């Protein structure tokens, strides 16, 4: 579940950045676009054959991103390209 949520957060942030990058600082806009991304991911998952492959890849990417960020925080290192 964590991989899907991190993946949905990425997809939502990507879409919001394309529409209005100034709103990326707003928690409410980011939450709204994450919910919209979850809906879109659920719709894509319903596509035969390619849907499960796409959502599986998104899951793995989200899980990898979370693990990388958590490991960097655990080691107290900065992740290149990640602010926080």
PDB file of N, CA and C in Angstrom:
ATOM      1  N   UNK A   1       0.824  -1.192   0.000  1.00  0.00           N
ATOM      2  CA  UNK A   1       0.000   0.000   0.000  1.00  0.00           C
ATOM      3  C   UNK A   1       0.872   1.261   0.000  1.00  0.00           C
ATOM      4  N   UNK A   2       1.973   1.201   0.713  1.00  0.00           N
ATOM      5  CA  UNK A   2       2.853   2.362   0.803  1.00  0.00           C
ATOM      6  C   UNK A   2       3.419   2.742  -0.563  1.00  0.00           C
ATOM      7  N   UNK A   3       3.796   1.747  -1.343  1.00  0.00           N
ATOM      8  CA  UNK A   3       4.319   2.012  -2.675  1.00  0.00           C
ATOM      9  C   UNK A   3       3.301   2.695  -3.567  1.00  0.00           C
ATOM     10  N   UNK A   4       2.036   2.273  -3.466  1.00  0.00           N
ATOM     11  CA  UNK A   4       0.980   2.899  -4.263  1.00  0.00           C
ATOM     12  C   UNK A   4       0.752   4.350  -3.835  1.00  0.00           C
ATOM     13  N   UNK A   5       0.774   4.601  -2.541  1.00  0.00           N
ATOM     14  CA  UNK A   5       0.555   5.971  -2.065  1.00  0.00           C
ATOM     15  C   UNK A   5       1.690   6.903  -2.465  1.00  0.00           C
ATOM     16  N   UNK A   6       2.928   6.439  -2.354  1.00  0.00           N
ATOM     17  CA  UNK A   6       4.057   7.274  -2.766  1.00  0.00           C
ATOM     18  C   UNK A   6       4.017   7.489  -4.278  1.00  0.00           C
ATOM     19  N   UNK A   7       3.663   6.443  -5.023  1.00  0.00           N
ATOM     20  CA  UNK A   7       3.515   6.581  -6.469  1.00  0.00           C
ATOM     21  C   UNK A   7       2.405   7.552  -6.836  1.00  0.00           C
ATOM     22  N   UNK A   8       1.277   7.483  -6.121  1.00  0.00           N
ATOM     23  CA  UNK A   8       0.172   8.408  -6.366  1.00  0.00           C
ATOM     24  C   UNK A   8       0.567   9.833  -6.013  1.00  0.00           C
ATOM     25  N   UNK A   9       1.336   9.999  -4.960  1.00  0.00           N
ATOM     26  CA  UNK A   9       1.823  11.332  -4.602  1.00  0.00           C
ATOM     27  C   UNK A   9       2.704  11.891  -5.714  1.00  0.00           C
ATOM     28  N   UNK A  10       3.565  11.053  -6.287  1.00  0.00           N
ATOM     29  CA  UNK A  10       4.412  11.488  -7.391  1.00  0.00           C
ATOM     30  C   UNK A  10       3.568  11.880  -8.595  1.00  0.00           C
ATOM     31  N   UNK A  11       2.603  11.038  -8.962  1.00  0.00           N
ATOM     32  CA  UNK A  11       1.757  11.325 -10.121  1.00  0.00           C
ATOM     33  C   UNK A  11       0.958  12.605  -9.884  1.00  0.00           C
ATOM     34  N   UNK A  12       0.405  12.770  -8.692  1.00  0.00           N
ATOM     35  CA  UNK A  12      -0.346  13.983  -8.368  1.00  0.00           C
ATOM     36  C   UNK A  12       0.524  15.226  -8.406  1.00  0.00           C
ATOM     37  N   UNK A  13       1.718  15.141  -7.835  1.00  0.00           N
ATOM     38  CA  UNK A  13       2.640  16.287  -7.865  1.00  0.00           C
ATOM     39  C   UNK A  13       3.072  16.615  -9.284  1.00  0.00           C
ATOM     40  N   UNK A  14       3.285  15.573 -10.088  1.00  0.00           N
ATOM     41  CA  UNK A  14       3.680  15.797 -11.475  1.00  0.00           C
ATOM     42  C   UNK A  14       2.570  16.529 -12.229  1.00  0.00           C
ATOM     43  N   UNK A  15       1.327  16.076 -12.067  1.00  0.00           N
ATOM     44  CA  UNK A  15       0.198  16.720 -12.750  1.00  0.00           C
ATOM     45  C   UNK A  15      -0.006  18.148 -12.242  1.00  0.00           C
ATOM     46  N   UNK A  16       0.071  18.352 -10.941  1.00  0.00           N
ATOM     47  CA  UNK A  16      -0.099  19.694 -10.379  1.00  0.00           C
ATOM     48  C   UNK A  16       1.011  20.622 -10.847  1.00  0.00           C
ATOM     49  N   UNK A  17       2.214  20.125 -10.930  1.00  0.00           N
ATOM     50  CA  UNK A  17       3.330  20.934 -11.418  1.00  0.00           C
ATOM     51  C   UNK A  17       3.145  21.357 -12.860  1.00  0.00           C
ATOM     52  N   UNK A  18       2.528  20.485 -13.653  1.00  0.00           N
ATOM     53  CA  UNK A  18       2.254  20.822 -15.055  1.00  0.00           C
ATOM     54  C   UNK A  18       1.142  21.857 -15.173  1.00  0.00           C
ATOM     55  N   UNK A  19       0.173  21.798 -14.281  1.00  0.00           N
ATOM     56  CA  UNK A  19      -0.963  22.720 -14.347  1.00  0.00           C
ATOM     57  C   UNK A  19      -0.607  24.071 -13.736  1.00  0.00           C
ATOM     58  N   UNK A  20      -0.108  24.052 -12.488  1.00  0.00           N
ATOM     59  CA  UNK A  20       0.248  25.297 -11.806  1.00  0.00           C
ATOM     60  C   UNK A  20       1.313  24.991 -10.754  1.00  0.00           C
ATOM     61  N   UNK A  21       2.558  25.191 -11.101  1.00  0.00           N
ATOM     62  CA  UNK A  21       3.673  24.845 -10.219  1.00  0.00           C
ATOM     63  C   UNK A  21       3.670  25.657  -8.922  1.00  0.00           C
ATOM     64  N   UNK A  22       3.050  26.831  -8.927  1.00  0.00           N
ATOM     65  CA  UNK A  22       3.021  27.661  -7.721  1.00  0.00           C
ATOM     66  C   UNK A  22       2.186  27.011  -6.621  1.00  0.00           C
ATOM     67  N   UNK A  23       1.247  26.135  -6.983  1.00  0.00           N
ATOM     68  CA  UNK A  23       0.384  25.496  -5.989  1.00  0.00           C
ATOM     69  C   UNK A  23       1.031  24.276  -5.335  1.00  0.00           C
ATOM     70  N   UNK A  24       2.246  23.913  -5.745  1.00  0.00           N
ATOM     71  CA  UNK A  24       2.922  22.774  -5.131  1.00  0.00           C
ATOM     72  C   UNK A  24       3.247  23.018  -3.654  1.00  0.00           C
ATOM     73  N   UNK A  25       3.259  24.266  -3.229  1.00  0.00           N
ATOM     74  CA  UNK A  25       3.515  24.587  -1.834  1.00  0.00           C
ATOM     75  C   UNK A  25       2.295  24.407  -0.950  1.00  0.00           C
ATOM     76  N   UNK A  26       1.133  24.214  -1.542  1.00  0.00           N
ATOM     77  CA  UNK A  26      -0.108  24.076  -0.788  1.00  0.00           C
ATOM     78  C   UNK A  26      -0.396  22.602  -0.495  1.00  0.00           C
ATOM     79  N   UNK A  27      -0.561  22.289   0.768  1.00  0.00           N
ATOM     80  CA  UNK A  27      -0.858  20.913   1.168  1.00  0.00           C
ATOM     81  C   UNK A  27      -2.204  20.462   0.629  1.00  0.00           C
ATOM     82  N   UNK A  28      -3.185  21.352   0.614  1.00  0.00           N
ATOM     83  CA  UNK A  28      -4.525  20.992   0.151  1.00  0.00           C
ATOM     84  C   UNK A  28      -4.539  20.653  -1.329  1.00  0.00           C
ATOM     85  N   UNK A  29      -3.853  21.426  -2.145  1.00  0.00           N
ATOM     86  CA  UNK A  29      -3.794  21.129  -3.576  1.00  0.00           C
ATOM     87  C   UNK A  29      -3.070  19.809  -3.822  1.00  0.00           C
ATOM     88  N   UNK A  30      -1.999  19.571  -3.095  1.00  0.00           N
ATOM     89  CA  UNK A  30      -1.260  18.321  -3.259  1.00  0.00           C
ATOM     90  C   UNK A  30      -2.110  17.123  -2.840  1.00  0.00           C
ATOM     91  N   UNK A  31      -2.872  17.267  -1.761  1.00  0.00           N
ATOM     92  CA  UNK A  31      -3.748  16.181  -1.303  1.00  0.00           C
ATOM     93  C   UNK A  31      -4.852  15.912  -2.326  1.00  0.00           C
ATOM     94  N   UNK A  32      -5.436  16.979  -2.863  1.00  0.00           N
ATOM     95  CA  UNK A  32      -6.485  16.824  -3.876  1.00  0.00           C
ATOM     96  C   UNK A  32      -5.948  16.090  -5.096  1.00  0.00           C
ATOM     97  N   UNK A  33      -4.772  16.485  -5.565  1.00  0.00           N
ATOM     98  CA  UNK A  33      -4.216  15.844  -6.749  1.00  0.00           C
ATOM     99  C   UNK A  33      -3.752  14.423  -6.460  1.00  0.00           C
ATOM    100  N   UNK A  34      -3.386  14.116  -5.225  1.00  0.00           N
ATOM    101  CA  UNK A  34      -3.048  12.748  -4.881  1.00  0.00           C
ATOM    102  C   UNK A  34      -4.298  11.870  -4.937  1.00  0.00           C
ATOM    103  N   UNK A  35      -5.418  12.382  -4.439  1.00  0.00           N
ATOM    104  CA  UNK A  35      -6.675  11.631  -4.501  1.00  0.00           C
ATOM    105  C   UNK A  35      -7.088  11.421  -5.959  1.00  0.00           C
ATOM    106  N   UNK A  36      -6.960  12.467  -6.775  1.00  0.00           N
ATOM    107  CA  UNK A  36      -7.274  12.328  -8.195  1.00  0.00           C
ATOM    108  C   UNK A  36      -6.348  11.304  -8.860  1.00  0.00           C
ATOM    109  N   UNK A  37      -5.082  11.294  -8.467  1.00  0.00           N
ATOM    110  CA  UNK A  37      -4.139  10.322  -9.021  1.00  0.00           C
ATOM    111  C   UNK A  37      -4.514   8.905  -8.616  1.00  0.00           C
ATOM    112  N   UNK A  38      -5.000   8.717  -7.397  1.00  0.00           N
ATOM    113  CA  UNK A  38      -5.439   7.389  -6.958  1.00  0.00           C
ATOM    114  C   UNK A  38      -6.600   6.910  -7.815  1.00  0.00           C
ATOM    115  N   UNK A  39      -7.531   7.810  -8.128  1.00  0.00           N
ATOM    116  CA  UNK A  39      -8.663   7.459  -8.981  1.00  0.00           C
ATOM    117  C   UNK A  39      -8.174   7.079 -10.381  1.00  0.00           C
ATOM    118  N   UNK A  40      -7.266   7.870 -10.931  1.00  0.00           N
ATOM    119  CA  UNK A  40      -6.728   7.580 -12.268  1.00  0.00           C
ATOM    120  C   UNK A  40      -5.975   6.255 -12.275  1.00  0.00           C
ATOM    121  N   UNK A  41      -5.200   6.000 -11.240  1.00  0.00           N
ATOM    122  CA  UNK A  41      -4.448   4.738 -11.156  1.00  0.00           C
ATOM    123  C   UNK A  41      -5.414   3.559 -11.079  1.00  0.00           C
ATOM    124  N   UNK A  42      -6.502   3.709 -10.340  1.00  0.00           N
ATOM    125  CA  UNK A  42      -7.510   2.642 -10.254  1.00  0.00           C
ATOM    126  C   UNK A  42      -8.152   2.393 -11.616  1.00  0.00           C
ATOM    127  N   UNK A  43      -8.400   3.458 -12.372  1.00  0.00           N
ATOM    128  CA  UNK A  43      -8.966   3.294 -13.715  1.00  0.00           C
ATOM    129  C   UNK A  43      -7.968   2.618 -14.655  1.00  0.00           C
ATOM    130  N   UNK A  44      -6.709   3.020 -14.573  1.00  0.00           N
ATOM    131  CA  UNK A  44      -5.672   2.410 -15.419  1.00  0.00           C
ATOM    132  C   UNK A  44      -5.496   0.937 -15.065  1.00  0.00           C
ATOM    133  N   UNK A  45      -5.643   0.596 -13.805  1.00  0.00           N
ATOM    134  CA  UNK A  45      -5.492  -0.789 -13.366  1.00  0.00           C
ATOM    135  C   UNK A  45      -6.555  -1.690 -13.990  1.00  0.00           C
ATOM    136  N   UNK A  46      -7.672  -1.118 -14.398  1.00  0.00           N
ATOM    137  CA  UNK A  46      -8.742  -1.902 -15.019  1.00  0.00           C
ATOM    138  C   UNK A  46      -8.493  -2.239 -16.472  1.00  0.00           C
ATOM    139  N   UNK A  47      -7.489  -1.646 -17.078  1.00  0.00           N
ATOM    140  CA  UNK A  47      -7.162  -1.944 -18.476  1.00  0.00           C
ATOM    141  C   UNK A  47      -6.530  -3.337 -18.539  1.00  0.00           C
ATOM    142  N   UNK A  48      -7.044  -4.201 -19.388  1.00  0.00           N
ATOM    143  CA  UNK A  48      -6.488  -5.559 -19.448  1.00  0.00           C
ATOM    144  C   UNK A  48      -5.011  -5.563 -19.839  1.00  0.00           C
ATOM    145  N   UNK A  49      -4.251  -6.410 -19.229  1.00  0.00           N
ATOM    146  CA  UNK A  49      -2.839  -6.706 -19.433  1.00  0.00           C
ATOM    147  C   UNK A  49      -1.935  -5.520 -19.083  1.00  0.00           C
ATOM    148  N   UNK A  50      -2.060  -4.396 -19.770  1.00  0.00           N
ATOM    149  CA  UNK A  50      -1.161  -3.267 -19.535  1.00  0.00           C
ATOM    150  C   UNK A  50      -1.445  -2.541 -18.224  1.00  0.00           C
ATOM    151  N   UNK A  51      -2.681  -2.535 -17.769  1.00  0.00           N
ATOM    152  CA  UNK A  51      -3.029  -1.852 -16.521  1.00  0.00           C
ATOM    153  C   UNK A  51      -2.294  -2.400 -15.311  1.00  0.00           C
ATOM    154  N   UNK A  52      -2.384  -3.717 -15.077  1.00  0.00           N
ATOM    155  CA  UNK A  52      -1.650  -4.283 -13.935  1.00  0.00           C
ATOM    156  C   UNK A  52      -0.131  -4.129 -14.050  1.00  0.00           C
ATOM    157  N   UNK A  53       0.388  -4.164 -15.269  1.00  0.00           N
ATOM    158  CA  UNK A  53       1.829  -3.968 -15.451  1.00  0.00           C
ATOM    159  C   UNK A  53       2.219  -2.542 -15.077  1.00  0.00           C
ATOM    160  N   UNK A  54       1.418  -1.562 -15.539  1.00  0.00           N
ATOM    161  CA  UNK A  54       1.711  -0.152 -15.244  1.00  0.00           C
ATOM    162  C   UNK A  54       1.599   0.130 -13.748  1.00  0.00           C
ATOM    163  N   UNK A  55       0.546  -0.371 -13.109  1.00  0.00           N
ATOM    164  CA  UNK A  55       0.393  -0.116 -11.675  1.00  0.00           C
ATOM    165  C   UNK A  55       1.447  -0.871 -10.863  1.00  0.00           C
ATOM    166  N   UNK A  56       1.856  -2.031 -11.330  1.00  0.00           N
ATOM    167  CA  UNK A  56       2.935  -2.760 -10.657  1.00  0.00           C
ATOM    168  C   UNK A  56       4.248  -2.006 -10.725  1.00  0.00           C
ATOM    169  N   UNK A  57       4.526  -1.424 -11.885  1.00  0.00           N
ATOM    170  CA  UNK A  57       5.748  -0.626 -12.023  1.00  0.00           C
ATOM    171  C   UNK A  57       5.671   0.628 -11.152  1.00  0.00           C
ATOM    172  N   UNK A  58       4.493   1.247 -11.086  1.00  0.00           N
ATOM    173  CA  UNK A  58       4.321   2.419 -10.226  1.00  0.00           C
ATOM    174  C   UNK A  58       4.522   2.034  -8.760  1.00  0.00           C
ATOM    175  N   UNK A  59       3.996   0.877  -8.362  1.00  0.00           N
ATOM    176  CA  UNK A  59       4.182   0.388  -7.002  1.00  0.00           C
ATOM    177  C   UNK A  59       5.664   0.206  -6.674  1.00  0.00           C
ATOM    178  N   UNK A  60       6.391  -0.437  -7.575  1.00  0.00           N
ATOM    179  CA  UNK A  60       7.822  -0.661  -7.335  1.00  0.00           C
ATOM    180  C   UNK A  60       8.601   0.645  -7.283  1.00  0.00           C
ATOM    181  N   UNK A  61       8.262   1.582  -8.165  1.00  0.00           N
ATOM    182  CA  UNK A  61       8.940   2.884  -8.155  1.00  0.00           C
ATOM    183  C   UNK A  61       8.638   3.643  -6.864  1.00  0.00           C
ATOM    184  N   UNK A  62       7.384   3.616  -6.429  1.00  0.00           N
ATOM    185  CA  UNK A  62       7.007   4.291  -5.187  1.00  0.00           C
ATOM    186  C   UNK A  62       7.676   3.672  -3.978  1.00  0.00           C
ATOM    187  N   UNK A  63       7.726   2.363  -3.943  1.00  0.00           N
ATOM    188  CA  UNK A  63       8.373   1.683  -2.828  1.00  0.00           C
ATOM    189  C   UNK A  63       9.872   1.963  -2.820  1.00  0.00           C
ATOM    190  N   UNK A  64      10.473   1.992  -3.986  1.00  0.00           N
ATOM    191  CA  UNK A  64      11.897   2.308  -4.079  1.00  0.00           C
ATOM    192  C   UNK A  64      12.196   3.731  -3.643  1.00  0.00           C
ATOM    193  N   UNK A  65      11.350   4.669  -4.055  1.00  0.00           N
ATOM    194  CA  UNK A  65      11.545   6.071  -3.664  1.00  0.00           C
ATOM    195  C   UNK A  65      11.405   6.235  -2.155  1.00  0.00           C
ATOM    196  N   UNK A  66      10.412   5.573  -1.575  1.00  0.00           N
ATOM    197  CA  UNK A  66      10.235   5.657  -0.126  1.00  0.00           C
ATOM    198  C   UNK A  66      11.431   5.053   0.604  1.00  0.00           C
ATOM    199  N   UNK A  67      11.888   3.902   0.142  1.00  0.00           N
ATOM    200  CA  UNK A  67      13.019   3.234   0.783  1.00  0.00           C
ATOM    201  C   UNK A  67      14.275   4.088   0.698  1.00  0.00           C
ATOM    202  N   UNK A  68      14.502   4.679  -0.467  1.00  0.00           N
ATOM    203  CA  UNK A  68      15.687   5.521  -0.640  1.00  0.00           C
ATOM    204  C   UNK A  68      15.643   6.728   0.295  1.00  0.00           C
ATOM    205  N   UNK A  69      14.487   7.362   0.382  1.00  0.00           N
ATOM    206  CA  UNK A  69      14.345   8.537   1.244  1.00  0.00           C
ATOM    207  C   UNK A  69      14.459   8.148   2.721  1.00  0.00           C
ATOM    208  N   UNK A  70      13.849   7.027   3.092  1.00  0.00           N
ATOM    209  CA  UNK A  70      13.916   6.578   4.486  1.00  0.00           C
ATOM    210  C   UNK A  70      15.347   6.201   4.858  1.00  0.00           C
ATOM    211  N   UNK A  71      16.054   5.535   3.958  1.00  0.00           N
ATOM    212  CA  UNK A  71      17.432   5.141   4.239  1.00  0.00           C
ATOM    213  C   UNK A  71      18.321   6.368   4.382  1.00  0.00           C
ATOM    214  N   UNK A  72      18.113   7.365   3.537  1.00  0.00           N
ATOM    215  CA  UNK A  72      18.914   8.592   3.642  1.00  0.00           C
ATOM    216  C   UNK A  72      18.623   9.304   4.968  1.00  0.00           C
ATOM    217  N   UNK A  73      17.362   9.324   5.389  1.00  0.00           N
ATOM    218  CA  UNK A  73      17.014   9.933   6.668  1.00  0.00           C
ATOM    219  C   UNK A  73      17.579   9.158   7.834  1.00  0.00           C
ATOM    220  N   UNK A  74      17.591   7.833   7.717  1.00  0.00           N
ATOM    221  CA  UNK A  74      18.141   6.984   8.764  1.00  0.00           C
ATOM    222  C   UNK A  74      19.638   7.215   8.913  1.00  0.00           C
ATOM    223  N   UNK A  75      20.312   7.367   7.780  1.00  0.00           N
ATOM    224  CA  UNK A  75      21.753   7.611   7.798  1.00  0.00           C
ATOM    225  C   UNK A  75      22.070   9.072   8.013  1.00  0.00           C
ATOM    226  N   UNK A  76      21.040   9.929   7.996  1.00  0.00           N
ATOM    227  CA  UNK A  76      21.181  11.366   8.177  1.00  0.00           C
ATOM    228  C   UNK A  76      21.963  11.997   7.026  1.00  0.00           C
ATOM    229  N   UNK A  77      21.765  11.459   5.830  1.00  0.00           N
ATOM    230  CA  UNK A  77      22.388  11.984   4.618  1.00  0.00           C
ATOM    231  C   UNK A  77      21.313  12.666   3.780  1.00  0.00           C
ATOM    232  N   UNK A  78      21.749  13.537   2.917  1.00  0.00           N
ATOM    233  CA  UNK A  78      20.827  14.156   1.978  1.00  0.00           C
ATOM    234  C   UNK A  78      20.759  13.293   0.721  1.00  0.00           C
ATOM    235  N   UNK A  79      19.562  13.134   0.176  1.00  0.00           N
ATOM    236  CA  UNK A  79      19.394  12.430  -1.074  1.00  0.00           C
ATOM    237  C   UNK A  79      19.548  13.427  -2.199  1.00  0.00           C
ATOM    238  N   UNK A  80      20.429  13.163  -3.154  1.00  0.00           N
ATOM    239  CA  UNK A  80      20.594  14.109  -4.267  1.00  0.00           C
ATOM    240  C   UNK A  80      19.284  14.292  -5.008  1.00  0.00           C
ATOM    241  N   UNK A  81      18.914  15.545  -5.202  1.00  0.00           N
ATOM    242  CA  UNK A  81      17.688  15.862  -5.933  1.00  0.00           C
ATOM    243  C   UNK A  81      16.434  15.848  -5.080  1.00  0.00           C
ATOM    244  N   UNK A  82      16.546  15.554  -3.791  1.00  0.00           N
ATOM    245  CA  UNK A  82      15.379  15.520  -2.911  1.00  0.00           C
ATOM    246  C   UNK A  82      15.570  16.568  -1.836  1.00  0.00           C
ATOM    247  N   UNK A  83      14.638  17.492  -1.757  1.00  0.00           N
ATOM    248  CA  UNK A  83      14.699  18.483  -0.692  1.00  0.00           C
ATOM    249  C   UNK A  83      13.800  18.048   0.437  1.00  0.00           C
ATOM    250  N   UNK A  84      14.123  18.415   1.605  1.00  0.00           N
ATOM    251  CA  UNK A  84      13.232  18.031   2.673  1.00  0.00           C
ATOM    252  C   UNK A  84      13.879  18.204   3.952  1.00  0.00           C
TER     253      UNK A  84
END
